[in-house]
Protein backbone atom coordinates (compact mmCIF):
# COMPACT_ATOMS: atom_id res chain seq x y z
CA UNK A 1 -64.43 80.80 99.62
CA UNK A 2 -64.40 83.51 102.28
CA UNK A 3 -65.04 82.86 105.97
CA UNK A 4 -68.47 84.48 105.80
CA UNK A 5 -69.41 82.37 102.76
CA UNK A 6 -68.22 79.28 104.63
CA UNK A 7 -70.46 80.30 107.55
CA UNK A 8 -73.46 80.74 105.23
CA UNK A 9 -72.73 77.46 103.48
CA UNK A 10 -72.49 75.61 106.80
CA UNK A 11 -75.79 77.09 108.05
CA UNK A 12 -77.57 76.06 104.87
CA UNK A 13 -76.04 72.58 104.76
CA UNK A 14 -76.55 71.74 108.43
CA UNK A 15 -80.22 72.82 108.66
CA UNK A 16 -83.13 71.60 106.54
CA UNK A 17 -84.90 74.97 106.59
CA UNK A 18 -83.07 78.28 107.06
CA UNK A 19 -84.60 81.74 107.00
CA UNK A 20 -82.24 84.69 106.73
CA UNK A 21 -84.38 87.48 108.09
CA UNK A 22 -84.49 90.83 109.83
CA UNK A 23 -85.01 89.98 113.49
CA UNK A 24 -85.91 86.54 114.78
CA UNK A 25 -88.82 84.17 114.33
CA UNK A 26 -90.13 85.25 117.73
CA UNK A 27 -89.52 88.96 117.07
CA UNK A 28 -89.38 89.83 113.35
CA UNK A 29 -88.10 93.33 112.62
CA UNK A 30 -89.84 93.90 109.27
CA UNK A 31 -93.15 92.98 107.69
CA UNK A 32 -91.65 90.79 104.97
CA UNK A 33 -89.66 88.73 107.47
CA UNK A 34 -92.74 88.51 109.71
CA UNK A 35 -94.84 87.22 106.80
CA UNK A 36 -92.45 84.41 105.90
CA UNK A 37 -91.91 83.44 109.56
CA UNK A 38 -95.70 83.33 110.06
CA UNK A 39 -96.16 81.09 107.03
CA UNK A 40 -93.52 78.68 108.31
CA UNK A 41 -94.98 78.77 111.82
CA UNK A 42 -98.51 78.19 110.47
CA UNK A 43 -97.17 75.10 108.66
CA UNK A 44 -95.48 73.93 111.91
CA UNK A 45 -92.10 73.95 110.21
CA UNK A 46 -89.03 73.74 112.40
CA UNK A 47 -86.63 76.30 110.95
CA UNK A 48 -83.41 78.05 111.80
CA UNK A 49 -83.70 81.80 111.83
CA UNK A 50 -80.64 83.94 111.13
CA UNK A 51 -80.90 87.60 112.12
CA UNK A 52 -78.94 89.53 109.49
CA UNK A 53 -79.35 92.77 111.47
CA UNK A 54 -76.80 91.51 114.01
CA UNK A 55 -74.02 91.18 111.43
CA UNK A 56 -73.53 93.73 108.62
CA UNK A 57 -71.00 91.49 106.85
CA UNK A 58 -73.52 88.63 106.81
CA UNK A 59 -76.26 91.01 105.66
CA UNK A 60 -74.28 91.91 102.53
CA UNK A 61 -72.76 88.47 101.98
CA UNK A 62 -76.08 86.59 101.88
CA UNK A 63 -77.28 88.86 99.07
CA UNK A 64 -74.18 88.03 97.03
CA UNK A 65 -74.28 84.34 97.98
CA UNK A 66 -77.82 83.93 96.64
CA UNK A 67 -77.59 86.63 93.98
CA UNK A 68 -80.84 87.94 95.48
CA UNK A 69 -81.01 91.59 96.60
CA UNK A 70 -83.59 91.44 99.38
CA UNK A 71 -84.23 89.90 102.78
CA UNK A 72 -85.82 87.58 103.86
CA UNK A 73 -84.33 84.64 102.04
CA UNK A 74 -85.53 81.07 102.51
CA UNK A 75 -83.47 77.92 101.93
CA UNK A 76 -84.97 74.44 102.02
CA UNK A 77 -82.64 71.42 102.03
CA UNK A 78 -79.77 73.52 100.69
CA UNK A 79 -81.75 75.12 97.88
CA UNK A 80 -82.53 78.84 97.68
CA UNK A 81 -86.30 79.21 97.37
CA UNK A 82 -86.75 82.97 97.29
CA UNK A 83 -88.02 85.98 99.18
CA UNK A 84 -91.34 87.02 100.65
CA UNK A 85 -93.42 87.30 97.45
CA UNK A 86 -92.21 83.96 96.10
CA UNK A 87 -92.84 82.25 99.44
CA UNK A 88 -96.35 83.74 99.69
CA UNK A 89 -97.20 82.64 96.15
CA UNK A 90 -95.78 79.14 96.60
CA UNK A 91 -97.64 78.80 99.92
CA UNK A 92 -100.94 79.80 98.30
CA UNK A 93 -100.49 77.31 95.46
CA UNK A 94 -99.33 74.49 97.78
CA UNK A 95 -95.90 74.31 96.17
CA UNK A 96 -94.16 75.33 99.41
CA UNK A 97 -95.86 72.53 101.31
CA UNK A 98 -94.72 70.07 98.64
CA UNK A 99 -91.12 71.32 98.87
CA UNK A 100 -91.16 71.01 102.64
CA UNK A 101 -92.63 67.50 102.53
CA UNK A 102 -90.07 66.20 100.01
């Protein structure tokens, strides 16, 4: 495993909820990242935000790591959940709240 994959793995394993996003939870840099951060904030979820704009290697590596082409990407308890549309849908159905409560 490469160093960058080790870094990603460690972030995901050492934090219950991780959002790889453009910008930060306090200053999202795209609408999709802002939407997911807002959902998590509205649910009062403590989450680790990882700004992929600060590190081009990380930006590319997370897409390969998850086999998912877009950002943001949400991980809950080590499991890849999805991007903005999946998070919005699972929030609206209550599935996201169930995942977070488990």
